């Protein structure tokens, strides 16, 4: 697991380049988890963020690029999490999805 600078994560979140509609998936323990994928600054680079239902903190799960998938596992702070919640809602609206409101 590599360490990705928070400044890089913040830049990606601030750029707000959503890649496809937000989705719901089942976690290992069966809980429903929200997934939002943002495009990185390099071609083909994707950042996957997840949010467990009932929590307000988003987590960077992985970064995909030409070298494969790098598992990063970093929970974001309140400000970046709030920004991602706004992006999640905007993306759901843009793609015509009616996901359950975030807590």
PDB file of N, CA and C in Angstrom:
ATOM      1  N   UNK A   1       0.847  -1.168   0.000  1.00  0.00           N
ATOM      2  CA  UNK A   1       0.000   0.000   0.000  1.00  0.00           C
ATOM      3  C   UNK A   1       0.895   1.235   0.000  1.00  0.00           C
ATOM      4  N   UNK A   2       0.722   2.079  -0.988  1.00  0.00           N
ATOM      5  CA  UNK A   2       1.558   3.272  -1.050  1.00  0.00           C
ATOM      6  C   UNK A   2       0.852   4.453  -0.405  1.00  0.00           C
ATOM      7  N   UNK A   3       1.626   5.462  -0.106  1.00  0.00           N
ATOM      8  CA  UNK A   3       1.067   6.661   0.506  1.00  0.00           C
ATOM      9  C   UNK A   3       0.889   7.726  -0.567  1.00  0.00           C
ATOM     10  N   UNK A   4      -0.332   8.171  -0.729  1.00  0.00           N
ATOM     11  CA  UNK A   4      -0.637   9.205  -1.716  1.00  0.00           C
ATOM     12  C   UNK A   4      -0.796  10.520  -0.980  1.00  0.00           C
ATOM     13  N   UNK A   5      -0.077  11.560  -1.378  1.00  0.00           N
ATOM     14  CA  UNK A   5      -0.175  12.851  -0.689  1.00  0.00           C
ATOM     15  C   UNK A   5      -1.601  13.392  -0.694  1.00  0.00           C
ATOM     16  N   UNK A   6      -2.017  13.931   0.439  1.00  0.00           N
ATOM     17  CA  UNK A   6      -3.353  14.498   0.559  1.00  0.00           C
ATOM     18  C   UNK A   6      -3.558  15.626  -0.445  1.00  0.00           C
ATOM     19  N   UNK A   7      -2.506  16.357  -0.775  1.00  0.00           N
ATOM     20  CA  UNK A   7      -2.624  17.447  -1.747  1.00  0.00           C
ATOM     21  C   UNK A   7      -3.024  16.908  -3.126  1.00  0.00           C
ATOM     22  N   UNK A   8      -2.525  15.719  -3.489  1.00  0.00           N
ATOM     23  CA  UNK A   8      -2.908  15.104  -4.762  1.00  0.00           C
ATOM     24  C   UNK A   8      -4.381  14.707  -4.747  1.00  0.00           C
ATOM     25  N   UNK A   9      -4.810  14.126  -3.629  1.00  0.00           N
ATOM     26  CA  UNK A   9      -6.215  13.723  -3.499  1.00  0.00           C
ATOM     27  C   UNK A   9      -7.109  14.957  -3.564  1.00  0.00           C
ATOM     28  N   UNK A  10      -6.728  16.008  -2.845  1.00  0.00           N
ATOM     29  CA  UNK A  10      -7.521  17.242  -2.828  1.00  0.00           C
ATOM     30  C   UNK A  10      -7.628  17.847  -4.222  1.00  0.00           C
ATOM     31  N   UNK A  11      -6.546  17.803  -4.989  1.00  0.00           N
ATOM     32  CA  UNK A  11      -6.562  18.351  -6.347  1.00  0.00           C
ATOM     33  C   UNK A  11      -7.532  17.584  -7.236  1.00  0.00           C
ATOM     34  N   UNK A  12      -7.573  16.270  -7.084  1.00  0.00           N
ATOM     35  CA  UNK A  12      -8.486  15.448  -7.876  1.00  0.00           C
ATOM     36  C   UNK A  12      -9.932  15.757  -7.503  1.00  0.00           C
ATOM     37  N   UNK A  13     -10.196  15.847  -6.197  1.00  0.00           N
ATOM     38  CA  UNK A  13     -11.556  16.142  -5.726  1.00  0.00           C
ATOM     39  C   UNK A  13     -11.985  17.533  -6.190  1.00  0.00           C
ATOM     40  N   UNK A  14     -11.074  18.507  -6.099  1.00  0.00           N
ATOM     41  CA  UNK A  14     -11.401  19.878  -6.500  1.00  0.00           C
ATOM     42  C   UNK A  14     -11.668  19.971  -8.001  1.00  0.00           C
ATOM     43  N   UNK A  15     -10.978  19.147  -8.794  1.00  0.00           N
ATOM     44  CA  UNK A  15     -11.167  19.167 -10.247  1.00  0.00           C
ATOM     45  C   UNK A  15     -12.542  18.622 -10.639  1.00  0.00           C
ATOM     46  N   UNK A  16     -13.127  17.778  -9.795  1.00  0.00           N
ATOM     47  CA  UNK A  16     -14.513  17.301  -9.960  1.00  0.00           C
ATOM     48  C   UNK A  16     -14.783  16.654 -11.306  1.00  0.00           C
ATOM     49  N   UNK A  17     -13.905  15.810 -11.757  1.00  0.00           N
ATOM     50  CA  UNK A  17     -14.116  15.122 -13.028  1.00  0.00           C
ATOM     51  C   UNK A  17     -14.684  13.724 -12.754  1.00  0.00           C
ATOM     52  N   UNK A  18     -15.995  13.660 -12.666  1.00  0.00           N
ATOM     53  CA  UNK A  18     -16.669  12.407 -12.334  1.00  0.00           C
ATOM     54  C   UNK A  18     -16.644  11.469 -13.538  1.00  0.00           C
ATOM     55  N   UNK A  19     -16.305  10.223 -13.293  1.00  0.00           N
ATOM     56  CA  UNK A  19     -16.231   9.212 -14.342  1.00  0.00           C
ATOM     57  C   UNK A  19     -17.410   8.254 -14.191  1.00  0.00           C
ATOM     58  N   UNK A  20     -18.482   8.516 -14.906  1.00  0.00           N
ATOM     59  CA  UNK A  20     -19.642   7.643 -14.855  1.00  0.00           C
ATOM     60  C   UNK A  20     -20.513   7.891 -13.635  1.00  0.00           C
ATOM     61  N   UNK A  21     -21.655   7.225 -13.575  1.00  0.00           N
ATOM     62  CA  UNK A  21     -22.596   7.436 -12.474  1.00  0.00           C
ATOM     63  C   UNK A  21     -22.097   6.837 -11.171  1.00  0.00           C
ATOM     64  N   UNK A  22     -22.489   7.416 -10.047  1.00  0.00           N
ATOM     65  CA  UNK A  22     -22.159   6.805  -8.764  1.00  0.00           C
ATOM     66  C   UNK A  22     -22.955   5.507  -8.623  1.00  0.00           C
ATOM     67  N   UNK A  23     -22.418   4.555  -7.891  1.00  0.00           N
ATOM     68  CA  UNK A  23     -23.078   3.262  -7.768  1.00  0.00           C
ATOM     69  C   UNK A  23     -23.151   2.821  -6.308  1.00  0.00           C
ATOM     70  N   UNK A  24     -23.935   1.803  -6.083  1.00  0.00           N
ATOM     71  CA  UNK A  24     -23.995   1.138  -4.787  1.00  0.00           C
ATOM     72  C   UNK A  24     -23.449  -0.269  -4.983  1.00  0.00           C
ATOM     73  N   UNK A  25     -22.652  -0.727  -4.040  1.00  0.00           N
ATOM     74  CA  UNK A  25     -22.157  -2.101  -4.105  1.00  0.00           C
ATOM     75  C   UNK A  25     -22.177  -2.692  -2.703  1.00  0.00           C
ATOM     76  N   UNK A  26     -22.095  -3.993  -2.631  1.00  0.00           N
ATOM     77  CA  UNK A  26     -22.068  -4.659  -1.330  1.00  0.00           C
ATOM     78  C   UNK A  26     -20.635  -4.822  -0.877  1.00  0.00           C
ATOM     79  N   UNK A  27     -20.388  -4.464   0.380  1.00  0.00           N
ATOM     80  CA  UNK A  27     -19.072  -4.629   0.969  1.00  0.00           C
ATOM     81  C   UNK A  27     -18.892  -6.098   1.352  1.00  0.00           C
ATOM     82  N   UNK A  28     -17.700  -6.454   1.797  1.00  0.00           N
ATOM     83  CA  UNK A  28     -17.383  -7.821   2.183  1.00  0.00           C
ATOM     84  C   UNK A  28     -18.366  -8.345   3.235  1.00  0.00           C
ATOM     85  N   UNK A  29     -18.746  -7.483   4.174  1.00  0.00           N
ATOM     86  CA  UNK A  29     -19.654  -7.908   5.244  1.00  0.00           C
ATOM     87  C   UNK A  29     -21.127  -7.733   4.879  1.00  0.00           C
ATOM     88  N   UNK A  30     -21.416  -7.412   3.612  1.00  0.00           N
ATOM     89  CA  UNK A  30     -22.787  -7.318   3.144  1.00  0.00           C
ATOM     90  C   UNK A  30     -23.416  -5.939   3.241  1.00  0.00           C
ATOM     91  N   UNK A  31     -22.707  -4.987   3.840  1.00  0.00           N
ATOM     92  CA  UNK A  31     -23.243  -3.621   3.925  1.00  0.00           C
ATOM     93  C   UNK A  31     -23.244  -2.961   2.556  1.00  0.00           C
ATOM     94  N   UNK A  32     -24.181  -2.044   2.363  1.00  0.00           N
ATOM     95  CA  UNK A  32     -24.256  -1.284   1.128  1.00  0.00           C
ATOM     96  C   UNK A  32     -23.243  -0.146   1.188  1.00  0.00           C
ATOM     97  N   UNK A  33     -22.428  -0.015   0.143  1.00  0.00           N
ATOM     98  CA  UNK A  33     -21.380   0.997   0.094  1.00  0.00           C
ATOM     99  C   UNK A  33     -21.535   1.815  -1.181  1.00  0.00           C
ATOM    100  N   UNK A  34     -21.471   3.136  -1.042  1.00  0.00           N
ATOM    101  CA  UNK A  34     -21.534   4.023  -2.204  1.00  0.00           C
ATOM    102  C   UNK A  34     -20.141   4.096  -2.841  1.00  0.00           C
ATOM    103  N   UNK A  35     -20.102   4.130  -4.163  1.00  0.00           N
ATOM    104  CA  UNK A  35     -18.845   4.199  -4.890  1.00  0.00           C
ATOM    105  C   UNK A  35     -18.911   5.362  -5.864  1.00  0.00           C
ATOM    106  N   UNK A  36     -17.892   6.203  -5.841  1.00  0.00           N
ATOM    107  CA  UNK A  36     -17.780   7.324  -6.766  1.00  0.00           C
ATOM    108  C   UNK A  36     -16.387   7.291  -7.368  1.00  0.00           C
ATOM    109  N   UNK A  37     -16.314   7.305  -8.686  1.00  0.00           N
ATOM    110  CA  UNK A  37     -15.026   7.255  -9.378  1.00  0.00           C
ATOM    111  C   UNK A  37     -14.744   8.602 -10.029  1.00  0.00           C
ATOM    112  N   UNK A  38     -13.557   9.146  -9.738  1.00  0.00           N
ATOM    113  CA  UNK A  38     -13.128  10.406 -10.342  1.00  0.00           C
ATOM    114  C   UNK A  38     -11.918  10.156 -11.232  1.00  0.00           C
ATOM    115  N   UNK A  39     -11.845  10.901 -12.325  1.00  0.00           N
ATOM    116  CA  UNK A  39     -10.683  10.823 -13.206  1.00  0.00           C
ATOM    117  C   UNK A  39      -9.518  11.576 -12.598  1.00  0.00           C
ATOM    118  N   UNK A  40      -8.330  11.024 -12.743  1.00  0.00           N
ATOM    119  CA  UNK A  40      -7.124  11.679 -12.265  1.00  0.00           C
ATOM    120  C   UNK A  40      -6.596  12.679 -13.273  1.00  0.00           C
ATOM    121  N   UNK A  41      -5.437  13.230 -12.979  1.00  0.00           N
ATOM    122  CA  UNK A  41      -4.852  14.238 -13.855  1.00  0.00           C
ATOM    123  C   UNK A  41      -4.121  13.620 -15.043  1.00  0.00           C
ATOM    124  N   UNK A  42      -3.786  12.342 -14.953  1.00  0.00           N
ATOM    125  CA  UNK A  42      -3.092  11.659 -16.048  1.00  0.00           C
ATOM    126  C   UNK A  42      -4.094  10.806 -16.834  1.00  0.00           C
ATOM    127  N   UNK A  43      -3.867  10.617 -18.123  1.00  0.00           N
ATOM    128  CA  UNK A  43      -4.779   9.799 -18.935  1.00  0.00           C
ATOM    129  C   UNK A  43      -4.933   8.387 -18.361  1.00  0.00           C
ATOM    130  N   UNK A  44      -6.174   7.932 -18.264  1.00  0.00           N
ATOM    131  CA  UNK A  44      -6.434   6.581 -17.782  1.00  0.00           C
ATOM    132  C   UNK A  44      -6.377   6.393 -16.274  1.00  0.00           C
ATOM    133  N   UNK A  45      -6.117   7.451 -15.546  1.00  0.00           N
ATOM    134  CA  UNK A  45      -6.003   7.354 -14.091  1.00  0.00           C
ATOM    135  C   UNK A  45      -7.383   7.555 -13.454  1.00  0.00           C
ATOM    136  N   UNK A  46      -7.790   6.612 -12.599  1.00  0.00           N
ATOM    137  CA  UNK A  46      -9.088   6.662 -11.932  1.00  0.00           C
ATOM    138  C   UNK A  46      -8.917   6.503 -10.428  1.00  0.00           C
ATOM    139  N   UNK A  47      -9.653   7.327  -9.680  1.00  0.00           N
ATOM    140  CA  UNK A  47      -9.639   7.276  -8.219  1.00  0.00           C
ATOM    141  C   UNK A  47     -10.993   6.760  -7.752  1.00  0.00           C
ATOM    142  N   UNK A  48     -11.007   5.660  -7.010  1.00  0.00           N
ATOM    143  CA  UNK A  48     -12.250   5.101  -6.483  1.00  0.00           C
ATOM    144  C   UNK A  48     -12.420   5.484  -5.019  1.00  0.00           C
ATOM    145  N   UNK A  49     -13.545   6.147  -4.719  1.00  0.00           N
ATOM    146  CA  UNK A  49     -13.875   6.550  -3.359  1.00  0.00           C
ATOM    147  C   UNK A  49     -15.111   5.793  -2.906  1.00  0.00           C
ATOM    148  N   UNK A  50     -15.149   5.403  -1.638  1.00  0.00           N
ATOM    149  CA  UNK A  50     -16.326   4.720  -1.105  1.00  0.00           C
ATOM    150  C   UNK A  50     -16.822   5.443   0.146  1.00  0.00           C
ATOM    151  N   UNK A  51     -18.121   5.237   0.419  1.00  0.00           N
ATOM    152  CA  UNK A  51     -18.757   5.791   1.606  1.00  0.00           C
ATOM    153  C   UNK A  51     -19.718   4.745   2.154  1.00  0.00           C
ATOM    154  N   UNK A  52     -19.451   4.253   3.358  1.00  0.00           N
ATOM    155  CA  UNK A  52     -20.378   3.317   3.999  1.00  0.00           C
ATOM    156  C   UNK A  52     -21.634   4.069   4.369  1.00  0.00           C
ATOM    157  N   UNK A  53     -22.786   3.456   4.168  1.00  0.00           N
ATOM    158  CA  UNK A  53     -24.035   4.084   4.595  1.00  0.00           C
ATOM    159  C   UNK A  53     -23.963   4.369   6.086  1.00  0.00           C
ATOM    160  N   UNK A  54     -24.457   5.532   6.472  1.00  0.00           N
ATOM    161  CA  UNK A  54     -24.444   5.898   7.878  1.00  0.00           C
ATOM    162  C   UNK A  54     -23.199   6.641   8.318  1.00  0.00           C
ATOM    163  N   UNK A  55     -22.249   6.844   7.407  1.00  0.00           N
ATOM    164  CA  UNK A  55     -21.024   7.569   7.750  1.00  0.00           C
ATOM    165  C   UNK A  55     -20.882   8.783   6.838  1.00  0.00           C
ATOM    166  N   UNK A  56     -20.170   9.770   7.306  1.00  0.00           N
ATOM    167  CA  UNK A  56     -19.995  10.997   6.524  1.00  0.00           C
ATOM    168  C   UNK A  56     -18.597  11.121   5.928  1.00  0.00           C
ATOM    169  N   UNK A  57     -17.717  10.194   6.249  1.00  0.00           N
ATOM    170  CA  UNK A  57     -16.342  10.275   5.755  1.00  0.00           C
ATOM    171  C   UNK A  57     -16.130   9.371   4.551  1.00  0.00           C
ATOM    172  N   UNK A  58     -15.678   9.957   3.447  1.00  0.00           N
ATOM    173  CA  UNK A  58     -15.340   9.190   2.259  1.00  0.00           C
ATOM    174  C   UNK A  58     -13.941   8.609   2.420  1.00  0.00           C
ATOM    175  N   UNK A  59     -13.677   7.543   1.707  1.00  0.00           N
ATOM    176  CA  UNK A  59     -12.387   6.861   1.789  1.00  0.00           C
ATOM    177  C   UNK A  59     -11.874   6.607   0.373  1.00  0.00           C
ATOM    178  N   UNK A  60     -10.614   6.949   0.140  1.00  0.00           N
ATOM    179  CA  UNK A  60      -9.979   6.601  -1.126  1.00  0.00           C
ATOM    180  C   UNK A  60      -9.613   5.124  -1.044  1.00  0.00           C
ATOM    181  N   UNK A  61     -10.178   4.323  -1.929  1.00  0.00           N
ATOM    182  CA  UNK A  61      -9.921   2.881  -1.905  1.00  0.00           C
ATOM    183  C   UNK A  61      -8.766   2.487  -2.819  1.00  0.00           C
ATOM    184  N   UNK A  62      -8.774   3.030  -4.042  1.00  0.00           N
ATOM    185  CA  UNK A  62      -7.736   2.625  -4.985  1.00  0.00           C
ATOM    186  C   UNK A  62      -7.544   3.661  -6.077  1.00  0.00           C
ATOM    187  N   UNK A  63      -6.377   3.564  -6.715  1.00  0.00           N
ATOM    188  CA  UNK A  63      -6.056   4.385  -7.878  1.00  0.00           C
ATOM    189  C   UNK A  63      -5.676   3.423  -8.996  1.00  0.00           C
ATOM    190  N   UNK A  64      -6.367   3.533 -10.124  1.00  0.00           N
ATOM    191  CA  UNK A  64      -6.074   2.686 -11.283  1.00  0.00           C
ATOM    192  C   UNK A  64      -5.354   3.523 -12.336  1.00  0.00           C
ATOM    193  N   UNK A  65      -4.315   2.933 -12.921  1.00  0.00           N
ATOM    194  CA  UNK A  65      -3.612   3.592 -14.013  1.00  0.00           C
ATOM    195  C   UNK A  65      -2.999   2.529 -14.914  1.00  0.00           C
ATOM    196  N   UNK A  66      -2.132   2.934 -15.828  1.00  0.00           N
ATOM    197  CA  UNK A  66      -1.558   1.981 -16.777  1.00  0.00           C
ATOM    198  C   UNK A  66      -0.722   0.899 -16.091  1.00  0.00           C
ATOM    199  N   UNK A  67      -0.312   1.131 -14.862  1.00  0.00           N
ATOM    200  CA  UNK A  67       0.488   0.148 -14.131  1.00  0.00           C
ATOM    201  C   UNK A  67      -0.368  -0.845 -13.353  1.00  0.00           C
ATOM    202  N   UNK A  68      -1.677  -0.651 -13.369  1.00  0.00           N
ATOM    203  CA  UNK A  68      -2.575  -1.538 -12.632  1.00  0.00           C
ATOM    204  C   UNK A  68      -3.338  -0.778 -11.567  1.00  0.00           C
ATOM    205  N   UNK A  69      -3.631  -1.458 -10.467  1.00  0.00           N
ATOM    206  CA  UNK A  69      -4.395  -0.864  -9.379  1.00  0.00           C
ATOM    207  C   UNK A  69      -3.519  -0.759  -8.146  1.00  0.00           C
ATOM    208  N   UNK A  70      -3.493   0.417  -7.556  1.00  0.00           N
ATOM    209  CA  UNK A  70      -2.736   0.677  -6.335  1.00  0.00           C
ATOM    210  C   UNK A  70      -3.739   0.883  -5.208  1.00  0.00           C
ATOM    211  N   UNK A  71      -3.720   0.016  -4.223  1.00  0.00           N
ATOM    212  CA  UNK A  71      -4.637   0.143  -3.093  1.00  0.00           C
ATOM    213  C   UNK A  71      -4.071   1.183  -2.134  1.00  0.00           C
ATOM    214  N   UNK A  72      -4.849   2.219  -1.855  1.00  0.00           N
ATOM    215  CA  UNK A  72      -4.351   3.318  -1.035  1.00  0.00           C
ATOM    216  C   UNK A  72      -4.966   3.393   0.354  1.00  0.00           C
ATOM    217  N   UNK A  73      -6.239   3.089   0.478  1.00  0.00           N
ATOM    218  CA  UNK A  73      -6.881   3.048   1.777  1.00  0.00           C
ATOM    219  C   UNK A  73      -6.667   4.255   2.665  1.00  0.00           C
ATOM    220  N   UNK A  74      -7.241   5.369   2.316  1.00  0.00           N
ATOM    221  CA  UNK A  74      -7.077   6.581   3.106  1.00  0.00           C
ATOM    222  C   UNK A  74      -8.422   7.259   3.325  1.00  0.00           C
ATOM    223  N   UNK A  75      -8.806   7.431   4.581  1.00  0.00           N
ATOM    224  CA  UNK A  75     -10.052   8.107   4.902  1.00  0.00           C
ATOM    225  C   UNK A  75      -9.826   9.610   4.862  1.00  0.00           C
ATOM    226  N   UNK A  76     -10.758  10.317   4.222  1.00  0.00           N
ATOM    227  CA  UNK A  76     -10.603  11.755   4.037  1.00  0.00           C
ATOM    228  C   UNK A  76     -11.194  12.531   5.207  1.00  0.00           C
ATOM    229  N   UNK A  77     -10.742  13.754   5.364  1.00  0.00           N
ATOM    230  CA  UNK A  77     -11.243  14.633   6.408  1.00  0.00           C
ATOM    231  C   UNK A  77     -12.618  15.190   6.077  1.00  0.00           C
ATOM    232  N   UNK A  78     -13.141  15.984   6.991  1.00  0.00           N
ATOM    233  CA  UNK A  78     -14.502  16.511   6.859  1.00  0.00           C
ATOM    234  C   UNK A  78     -14.692  17.368   5.613  1.00  0.00           C
ATOM    235  N   UNK A  79     -13.737  18.238   5.314  1.00  0.00           N
ATOM    236  CA  UNK A  79     -13.916  19.166   4.183  1.00  0.00           C
ATOM    237  C   UNK A  79     -13.928  18.427   2.840  1.00  0.00           C
ATOM    238  N   UNK A  80     -12.962  17.516   2.642  1.00  0.00           N
ATOM    239  CA  UNK A  80     -12.937  16.768   1.390  1.00  0.00           C
ATOM    240  C   UNK A  80     -14.125  15.822   1.303  1.00  0.00           C
ATOM    241  N   UNK A  81     -14.512  15.228   2.433  1.00  0.00           N
ATOM    242  CA  UNK A  81     -15.674  14.343   2.445  1.00  0.00           C
ATOM    243  C   UNK A  81     -16.940  15.108   2.086  1.00  0.00           C
ATOM    244  N   UNK A  82     -17.075  16.325   2.604  1.00  0.00           N
ATOM    245  CA  UNK A  82     -18.239  17.150   2.276  1.00  0.00           C
ATOM    246  C   UNK A  82     -18.257  17.467   0.783  1.00  0.00           C
ATOM    247  N   UNK A  83     -17.096  17.765   0.228  1.00  0.00           N
ATOM    248  CA  UNK A  83     -16.998  18.068  -1.208  1.00  0.00           C
ATOM    249  C   UNK A  83     -17.392  16.845  -2.043  1.00  0.00           C
ATOM    250  N   UNK A  84     -16.932  15.665  -1.625  1.00  0.00           N
ATOM    251  CA  UNK A  84     -17.284  14.450  -2.349  1.00  0.00           C
ATOM    252  C   UNK A  84     -18.773  14.135  -2.232  1.00  0.00           C
ATOM    253  N   UNK A  85     -19.376  14.460  -1.104  1.00  0.00           N
ATOM    254  CA  UNK A  85     -20.818  14.254  -0.945  1.00  0.00           C
ATOM    255  C   UNK A  85     -21.596  15.118  -1.935  1.00  0.00           C
ATOM    256  N   UNK A  86     -21.133  16.351  -2.124  1.00  0.00           N
ATOM    257  CA  UNK A  86     -21.753  17.244  -3.109  1.00  0.00           C
ATOM    258  C   UNK A  86     -21.567  16.678  -4.519  1.00  0.00           C
ATOM    259  N   UNK A  87     -20.355  16.212  -4.831  1.00  0.00           N
ATOM    260  CA  UNK A  87     -20.095  15.623  -6.146  1.00  0.00           C
ATOM    261  C   UNK A  87     -20.966  14.392  -6.373  1.00  0.00           C
ATOM    262  N   UNK A  88     -21.104  13.576  -5.335  1.00  0.00           N
ATOM    263  CA  UNK A  88     -21.924  12.369  -5.430  1.00  0.00           C
ATOM    264  C   UNK A  88     -23.365  12.733  -5.776  1.00  0.00           C
ATOM    265  N   UNK A  89     -23.915  13.724  -5.080  1.00  0.00           N
ATOM    266  CA  UNK A  89     -25.280  14.157  -5.350  1.00  0.00           C
ATOM    267  C   UNK A  89     -25.441  14.740  -6.736  1.00  0.00           C
ATOM    268  N   UNK A  90     -24.475  15.554  -7.151  1.00  0.00           N
ATOM    269  CA  UNK A  90     -24.515  16.164  -8.487  1.00  0.00           C
ATOM    270  C   UNK A  90     -24.418  15.099  -9.569  1.00  0.00           C
ATOM    271  N   UNK A  91     -23.525  14.132  -9.379  1.00  0.00           N
ATOM    272  CA  UNK A  91     -23.361  13.066 -10.370  1.00  0.00           C
ATOM    273  C   UNK A  91     -24.609  12.207 -10.455  1.00  0.00           C
ATOM    274  N   UNK A  92     -25.212  11.900  -9.302  1.00  0.00           N
ATOM    275  CA  UNK A  92     -26.441  11.099  -9.297  1.00  0.00           C
ATOM    276  C   UNK A  92     -27.551  11.824 -10.053  1.00  0.00           C
ATOM    277  N   UNK A  93     -27.639  13.127  -9.831  1.00  0.00           N
ATOM    278  CA  UNK A  93     -28.650  13.932 -10.518  1.00  0.00           C
ATOM    279  C   UNK A  93     -28.366  14.000 -12.019  1.00  0.00           C
ATOM    280  N   UNK A  94     -27.097  14.215 -12.373  1.00  0.00           N
ATOM    281  CA  UNK A  94     -26.695  14.333 -13.777  1.00  0.00           C
ATOM    282  C   UNK A  94     -26.971  13.049 -14.549  1.00  0.00           C
ATOM    283  N   UNK A  95     -26.683  11.909 -13.917  1.00  0.00           N
ATOM    284  CA  UNK A  95     -26.872  10.632 -14.597  1.00  0.00           C
ATOM    285  C   UNK A  95     -28.282  10.077 -14.412  1.00  0.00           C
ATOM    286  N   UNK A  96     -29.166  10.871 -13.785  1.00  0.00           N
ATOM    287  CA  UNK A  96     -30.554  10.471 -13.667  1.00  0.00           C
ATOM    288  C   UNK A  96     -30.818   9.377 -12.654  1.00  0.00           C
ATOM    289  N   UNK A  97     -29.930   9.221 -11.677  1.00  0.00           N
ATOM    290  CA  UNK A  97     -30.120   8.201 -10.655  1.00  0.00           C
ATOM    291  C   UNK A  97     -30.754   8.810  -9.427  1.00  0.00           C
ATOM    292  N   UNK A  98     -31.562   8.052  -8.775  1.00  0.00           N
ATOM    293  CA  UNK A  98     -32.195   8.487  -7.537  1.00  0.00           C
ATOM    294  C   UNK A  98     -31.672   7.637  -6.400  1.00  0.00           C
ATOM    295  N   UNK A  99     -30.451   7.905  -5.975  1.00  0.00           N
ATOM    296  CA  UNK A  99     -29.875   7.175  -4.845  1.00  0.00           C
ATOM    297  C   UNK A  99     -30.411   7.754  -3.541  1.00  0.00           C
ATOM    298  N   UNK A 100     -30.457   6.930  -2.536  1.00  0.00           N
ATOM    299  CA  UNK A 100     -30.913   7.378  -1.225  1.00  0.00           C
ATOM    300  C   UNK A 100     -30.060   8.544  -0.765  1.00  0.00           C
ATOM    301  N   UNK A 101     -30.687   9.530  -0.164  1.00  0.00           N
ATOM    302  CA  UNK A 101     -29.991  10.723   0.323  1.00  0.00           C
ATOM    303  C   UNK A 101     -28.888  10.336   1.296  1.00  0.00           C
ATOM    304  N   UNK A 102     -27.775  11.028   1.208  1.00  0.00           N
ATOM    305  CA  UNK A 102     -26.674  10.788   2.146  1.00  0.00           C
ATOM    306  C   UNK A 102     -27.081  11.236   3.534  1.00  0.00           C
ATOM    307  N   UNK A 103     -26.574  10.539   4.539  1.00  0.00           N
ATOM    308  CA  UNK A 103     -26.922  10.925   5.916  1.00  0.00           C
ATOM    309  C   UNK A 103     -26.401  12.290   6.278  1.00  0.00           C
TER     310      UNK A 103
END
